[in-house]
Amino acid sequence: MKIINFGSLNIDIFFRVNHIVRPGETISAQSIERRAGGKGLNQSIALIKNYDKVYHAGSVGMDGSFLKEYLAGEGIDTRYIKESSSSTGNAIIQVDDNGENSIVLYKGANFDNDRAFIDEVLENFDKDDVLVLQNEINNMDYIIDKAFRKGMKIVLNPSPITDEVKDFDLDKIDLLLVNETEALEISACEGIEEIISSFKEKYPNLKVVITLGSKGSVYIDKENRIYQDAYKVNAVDSTGAGDTFTGYFVAEFYQNKDIKQCLKLATKASALSVTKKGASISIPSIEEVEKFNGEN
């Protein structure tokens, strides 16, 4: 089994400031950092921590070659990352002394995935290989249709949530991973019980994981409803926690592990990730996760 993540690749530029800049104001930053980012990249890093056959597909500009090198250095196969004439996707992030942030996102090369490129990538994958998707690239509906016709197992993390997500055919998705807000948007329901009932009724073959913040998470399919409590840790930075959960859960789940074990491992990994600053750089190793004995 191969896992292919067709996802975003961003350059994240962090400015540490006393306060978020106001209209017409010029301020000095205390520090600046450039990091590898994008939900796609983060999830690939989490996947490779728990599985050894991970591929990443996507697009970067000439300014983003270090993102490809970073992924390759982690053991991810990057042969399906192409160079675009556009600039690499960017996120300009201000973080103030209270931990509040303001983000300007530029999609850049992440929206340069044409159908010919998608066809070229997916022809190298087969029935029952796993395709992981987020909602930070273009031609999502085409990728889903193409992979479904090949018999691939499609995993969707529809973040950031947009109106286009509501048009995706969830009958073609094998596993959906959402937070409570995204679940509410997709189901058009209120309250977790109503949301769960809606998913079961409308999409009986869909497997769903809903993360519930401090309340943990729940896995549902047509036969099961399995809850997992959150772990208590001293949180420093929650950036990338959801991506860590997704990558760890997906890798564990498609190795046919016990569902409760999948939830537990992903929850531990996510909890550990928030104890460090950063996104992909805060994702723990499988050894760290297995050693972690936190309190629920």
Protein backbone atom coordinates (compact mmCIF):
# COMPACT_ATOMS: atom_id res chain seq x y z
CA MET A 1 0.00 0.00 0.00
CA LYS A 2 1.23 3.48 -0.94
CA ILE A 3 -0.04 6.75 0.56
CA ILE A 4 -0.08 9.77 -1.75
CA ASN A 5 -0.81 13.18 -0.28
CA PHE A 6 -1.88 15.64 -2.98
CA GLY A 7 -1.59 18.80 -0.94
CA SER A 8 -0.46 22.34 -0.36
CA LEU A 9 3.12 23.55 0.04
CA ASN A 10 3.57 26.97 1.63
CA ILE A 11 6.29 29.28 2.83
CA ASP A 12 5.17 30.55 6.24
CA ILE A 13 6.68 33.89 7.28
CA PHE A 14 6.16 34.69 10.97
CA PHE A 15 6.51 38.24 12.33
CA ARG A 16 6.62 38.56 16.11
CA VAL A 17 5.05 41.93 17.00
CA ASN A 18 3.86 43.82 20.09
CA HIS A 19 0.42 44.16 18.55
CA ILE A 20 -1.27 43.35 15.25
CA VAL A 21 -0.65 46.22 12.84
CA ARG A 22 -3.57 48.62 12.38
CA PRO A 23 -4.66 50.25 9.08
CA GLY A 24 -2.21 53.01 8.10
CA GLU A 25 0.28 52.00 10.80
CA THR A 26 3.91 50.94 10.41
CA ILE A 27 5.51 48.97 13.24
CA SER A 28 8.77 47.10 13.81
CA ALA A 29 8.81 43.32 14.25
CA GLN A 30 10.72 41.79 17.15
CA SER A 31 11.70 38.81 15.00
CA ILE A 32 11.04 37.11 11.69
CA GLU A 33 11.13 33.42 10.82
CA ARG A 34 10.63 31.55 7.56
CA ARG A 35 9.30 28.01 7.92
CA ALA A 36 7.96 25.20 5.79
CA GLY A 37 4.18 25.09 5.94
CA GLY A 38 0.85 24.31 4.35
CA LYS A 39 -1.64 21.74 5.59
CA GLY A 40 -0.51 19.31 2.92
CA LEU A 41 3.14 19.50 3.92
CA ASN A 42 2.31 19.20 7.62
CA GLN A 43 0.19 16.11 7.09
CA SER A 44 2.85 14.44 4.95
CA ILE A 45 5.36 14.93 7.77
CA ALA A 46 2.91 13.36 10.23
CA LEU A 47 2.24 10.46 7.84
CA ILE A 48 5.92 9.60 7.39
CA LYS A 49 6.38 9.44 11.17
CA ASN A 50 4.10 6.39 11.19
CA TYR A 51 4.41 4.84 7.71
CA ASP A 52 7.31 4.35 5.31
CA LYS A 53 5.71 4.66 1.84
CA VAL A 54 4.52 8.27 1.65
CA TYR A 55 4.49 10.36 -1.52
CA HIS A 56 3.71 14.05 -1.81
CA ALA A 57 2.25 15.68 -4.94
CA GLY A 58 1.81 19.39 -5.50
CA SER A 59 3.34 22.53 -6.97
CA VAL A 60 5.94 25.04 -5.85
CA GLY A 61 7.58 28.03 -7.49
CA MET A 62 11.32 28.50 -7.95
CA ASP A 63 11.35 30.10 -4.49
CA GLY A 64 10.01 26.92 -2.88
CA SER A 65 12.65 24.33 -3.71
CA PHE A 66 13.62 24.11 -0.03
CA LEU A 67 10.13 22.73 0.73
CA LYS A 68 10.78 19.77 -1.57
CA GLU A 69 14.21 19.27 -0.01
CA TYR A 70 12.69 19.41 3.48
CA LEU A 71 10.13 16.70 2.67
CA ALA A 72 12.76 14.52 0.99
CA GLY A 73 14.98 14.89 4.03
CA GLU A 74 12.17 13.44 6.15
CA GLY A 75 11.98 10.37 3.92
CA ILE A 76 9.01 11.39 1.76
CA ASP A 77 9.07 10.61 -1.98
CA THR A 78 8.91 14.00 -3.75
CA ARG A 79 9.05 12.93 -7.40
CA TYR A 80 5.49 14.26 -7.93
CA ILE A 81 6.20 17.81 -6.78
CA LYS A 82 6.48 20.02 -9.85
CA GLU A 83 7.95 23.47 -10.30
CA SER A 84 5.49 26.15 -11.40
CA SER A 85 6.06 29.55 -12.99
CA SER A 86 3.99 31.05 -10.16
CA SER A 87 5.40 31.98 -6.79
CA THR A 88 5.13 29.38 -4.05
CA GLY A 89 2.11 29.66 -1.78
CA ASN A 90 2.78 32.03 1.11
CA ALA A 91 1.33 32.83 4.49
CA ILE A 92 2.26 36.12 6.15
CA ILE A 93 1.58 35.64 9.86
CA GLN A 94 1.71 38.29 12.60
CA VAL A 95 1.84 36.92 16.15
CA ASP A 96 1.47 39.41 19.01
CA ASP A 97 2.56 39.30 22.66
CA ASN A 98 -0.80 37.82 23.68
CA GLY A 99 -0.51 34.95 21.22
CA GLU A 100 -3.15 36.39 18.89
CA ASN A 101 -2.42 36.16 15.18
CA SER A 102 -3.37 37.68 11.86
CA ILE A 103 -2.76 35.81 8.61
CA VAL A 104 -2.64 36.83 4.95
CA LEU A 105 -2.65 33.77 2.68
CA TYR A 106 -1.50 33.69 -0.94
CA LYS A 107 -2.42 30.48 -2.77
CA GLY A 108 0.27 30.84 -5.46
CA ALA A 109 1.50 27.62 -7.09
CA ASN A 110 -0.90 25.52 -5.00
CA PHE A 111 -3.55 26.37 -7.60
CA ASP A 112 -1.41 25.40 -10.60
CA ASN A 113 -2.31 21.71 -10.59
CA ASP A 114 -3.88 21.17 -14.02
CA ARG A 115 -5.70 18.02 -15.11
CA ALA A 116 -2.79 16.74 -17.18
CA PHE A 117 -0.53 16.88 -14.12
CA ILE A 118 -3.16 15.20 -11.94
CA ASP A 119 -3.54 12.40 -14.51
CA GLU A 120 0.25 12.00 -14.67
CA VAL A 121 0.49 11.65 -10.89
CA LEU A 122 -2.45 9.32 -10.28
CA GLU A 123 -1.56 6.91 -13.08
CA ASN A 124 1.25 5.71 -10.80
CA PHE A 125 -1.14 4.59 -8.06
CA ASP A 126 -3.49 1.64 -7.90
CA LYS A 127 -6.64 0.25 -6.36
CA ASP A 128 -6.58 0.43 -2.54
CA ASP A 129 -3.67 2.88 -2.43
CA VAL A 130 -4.56 5.81 -0.16
CA LEU A 131 -5.03 9.39 -1.38
CA VAL A 132 -4.99 12.17 1.23
CA LEU A 133 -6.52 15.56 0.40
CA GLN A 134 -7.02 18.91 2.13
CA ASN A 135 -8.79 21.96 0.69
CA GLU A 136 -5.77 24.17 -0.10
CA ILE A 137 -5.26 23.18 -3.77
CA ASN A 138 -7.30 23.51 -6.96
CA ASN A 139 -9.14 20.90 -9.05
CA MET A 140 -10.21 19.01 -5.94
CA ASP A 141 -13.38 17.62 -7.55
CA TYR A 142 -11.38 16.29 -10.52
CA ILE A 143 -8.81 14.63 -8.24
CA ILE A 144 -11.58 12.96 -6.24
CA ASP A 145 -13.36 11.68 -9.36
CA LYS A 146 -10.14 10.38 -10.92
CA ALA A 147 -9.01 8.58 -7.78
CA PHE A 148 -12.46 7.10 -7.16
CA ARG A 149 -12.55 5.60 -10.65
CA LYS A 150 -9.19 3.96 -9.91
CA GLY A 151 -10.55 2.41 -6.72
CA MET A 152 -8.26 4.36 -4.40
CA LYS A 153 -9.17 4.97 -0.76
CA ILE A 154 -9.79 8.72 -0.54
CA VAL A 155 -9.22 10.62 2.70
CA LEU A 156 -10.58 14.17 2.90
CA ASN A 157 -9.74 16.83 5.46
CA PRO A 158 -11.90 19.69 4.08
CA SER A 159 -9.96 22.52 5.68
CA PRO A 160 -10.26 25.41 5.19
CA ILE A 161 -14.00 24.96 4.80
CA THR A 162 -15.47 26.68 1.70
CA ASP A 163 -18.72 26.59 -0.23
CA GLU A 164 -17.03 24.35 -2.81
CA VAL A 165 -16.60 21.61 -0.21
CA LYS A 166 -20.36 21.23 0.02
CA ASP A 167 -20.40 20.21 -3.67
CA PHE A 168 -17.88 17.38 -3.22
CA ASP A 169 -19.44 13.94 -3.60
CA LEU A 170 -18.88 12.43 -0.16
CA ASP A 171 -20.11 9.06 -1.44
CA LYS A 172 -16.70 8.82 -3.13
CA ILE A 173 -14.82 9.50 0.10
CA ASP A 174 -13.69 6.63 2.31
CA LEU A 175 -12.64 8.65 5.38
CA LEU A 176 -13.59 12.21 6.35
CA LEU A 177 -11.68 14.04 9.10
CA VAL A 178 -13.26 17.25 10.38
CA ASN A 179 -13.38 19.43 13.44
CA GLU A 180 -16.72 20.25 15.05
CA THR A 181 -17.16 23.51 13.13
CA GLU A 182 -16.46 21.83 9.77
CA ALA A 183 -18.82 18.98 10.65
CA LEU A 184 -21.55 21.50 11.41
CA GLU A 185 -20.99 23.30 8.10
CA ILE A 186 -21.07 20.12 6.01
CA SER A 187 -24.02 18.50 7.78
CA ALA A 188 -26.01 21.75 8.25
CA CYS A 189 -26.85 20.45 11.73
CA GLU A 190 -26.35 21.69 15.27
CA GLY A 191 -25.04 19.60 18.14
CA ILE A 192 -22.84 16.55 17.91
CA GLU A 193 -25.68 14.02 18.18
CA GLU A 194 -27.57 15.60 15.30
CA ILE A 195 -24.37 15.82 13.25
CA ILE A 196 -23.59 12.14 13.78
CA SER A 197 -27.14 11.09 12.89
CA SER A 198 -27.01 13.18 9.73
CA PHE A 199 -23.74 11.64 8.52
CA LYS A 200 -25.00 8.11 9.20
CA GLU A 201 -28.26 8.74 7.37
CA LYS A 202 -26.90 10.59 4.33
CA TYR A 203 -23.61 8.71 3.89
CA PRO A 204 -23.96 5.21 5.40
CA ASN A 205 -20.65 3.98 3.92
CA LEU A 206 -18.62 7.01 4.98
CA LYS A 207 -16.18 6.74 7.88
CA VAL A 208 -15.93 9.99 9.85
CA VAL A 209 -13.62 11.30 12.56
CA ILE A 210 -14.75 14.47 14.33
CA THR A 211 -12.23 16.22 16.56
CA LEU A 212 -13.86 18.00 19.50
CA GLY A 213 -11.04 20.07 20.98
CA SER A 214 -10.71 19.58 24.73
CA LYS A 215 -13.55 17.02 24.56
CA GLY A 216 -11.44 14.65 22.48
CA SER A 217 -12.70 13.02 19.28
CA VAL A 218 -15.21 10.51 17.95
CA TYR A 219 -15.06 7.96 15.13
CA ILE A 220 -18.28 6.86 13.43
CA ASP A 221 -19.25 4.46 10.68
CA LYS A 222 -22.43 2.49 10.00
CA GLU A 223 -21.64 0.07 12.83
CA ASN A 224 -19.43 1.94 15.30
CA ARG A 225 -19.27 5.02 17.46
CA ILE A 226 -15.97 5.22 19.34
CA TYR A 227 -14.92 8.10 21.61
CA GLN A 228 -11.44 9.17 22.65
CA ASP A 229 -10.70 11.66 25.43
CA ALA A 230 -8.15 14.42 24.97
CA TYR A 231 -4.84 14.42 26.85
CA LYS A 232 -3.92 17.22 29.25
CA VAL A 233 -0.67 19.00 28.37
CA ASN A 234 0.87 22.46 28.77
CA ALA A 235 0.07 23.94 25.36
CA VAL A 236 2.60 26.32 23.81
CA ASP A 237 1.47 26.48 20.19
CA SER A 238 -1.53 24.69 18.67
CA THR A 239 -0.45 25.32 15.06
CA GLY A 240 -0.48 22.05 13.14
CA ALA A 241 -2.14 19.98 15.87
CA GLY A 242 -5.01 18.99 13.60
CA ASP A 243 -2.60 18.03 10.81
CA THR A 244 -0.61 15.91 13.25
CA PHE A 245 -3.79 14.09 14.30
CA THR A 246 -4.79 13.53 10.67
CA GLY A 247 -1.45 12.14 9.55
CA TYR A 248 -1.05 9.80 12.48
CA PHE A 249 -4.64 8.55 12.34
CA VAL A 250 -4.59 7.92 8.58
CA ALA A 251 -1.31 6.00 8.67
CA GLU A 252 -2.49 3.86 11.58
CA PHE A 253 -6.02 3.31 10.24
CA TYR A 254 -4.96 2.04 6.82
CA GLN A 255 -2.57 -0.42 8.41
CA ASN A 256 -5.77 -2.07 9.68
CA LYS A 257 -5.10 -1.28 13.31
CA ASP A 258 -7.84 -1.29 15.97
CA ILE A 259 -9.86 1.91 15.67
CA LYS A 260 -9.56 2.75 19.36
CA GLN A 261 -5.79 2.37 19.03
CA CYS A 262 -5.81 4.67 15.99
CA LEU A 263 -7.65 7.37 17.91
CA LYS A 264 -5.43 7.00 20.95
CA LEU A 265 -2.18 7.23 18.98
CA ALA A 266 -3.35 10.24 16.93
CA THR A 267 -4.57 12.02 20.07
CA LYS A 268 -1.24 11.46 21.82
CA ALA A 269 0.68 12.76 18.79
CA SER A 270 -1.54 15.84 18.55
CA ALA A 271 -1.17 16.54 22.28
CA LEU A 272 2.61 16.31 22.09
CA SER A 273 2.72 18.62 19.07
CA VAL A 274 1.16 21.55 20.98
CA THR A 275 3.91 21.43 23.60
CA LYS A 276 6.38 22.81 21.04
CA LYS A 277 6.41 25.90 18.83
CA GLY A 278 5.82 25.58 15.10
CA ALA A 279 3.79 23.30 12.86
CA SER A 280 5.70 20.58 10.99
CA ILE A 281 8.74 20.96 13.24
CA SER A 282 6.60 20.21 16.30
CA ILE A 283 5.30 16.84 15.02
CA PRO A 284 6.65 14.11 17.33
CA SER A 285 8.30 10.87 16.29
CA ILE A 286 6.48 7.56 16.70
CA GLU A 287 8.92 6.69 19.50
CA GLU A 288 7.98 9.86 21.41
CA VAL A 289 4.28 9.13 20.93
CA GLU A 290 4.53 5.54 22.14
CA LYS A 291 6.43 6.64 25.26
CA PHE A 292 3.91 9.38 26.12
CA ASN A 293 1.71 8.59 29.12
CA GLY A 294 -0.35 11.74 29.58
CA GLU A 295 -3.51 12.22 31.60
CA ASN A 296 -6.96 12.29 29.99
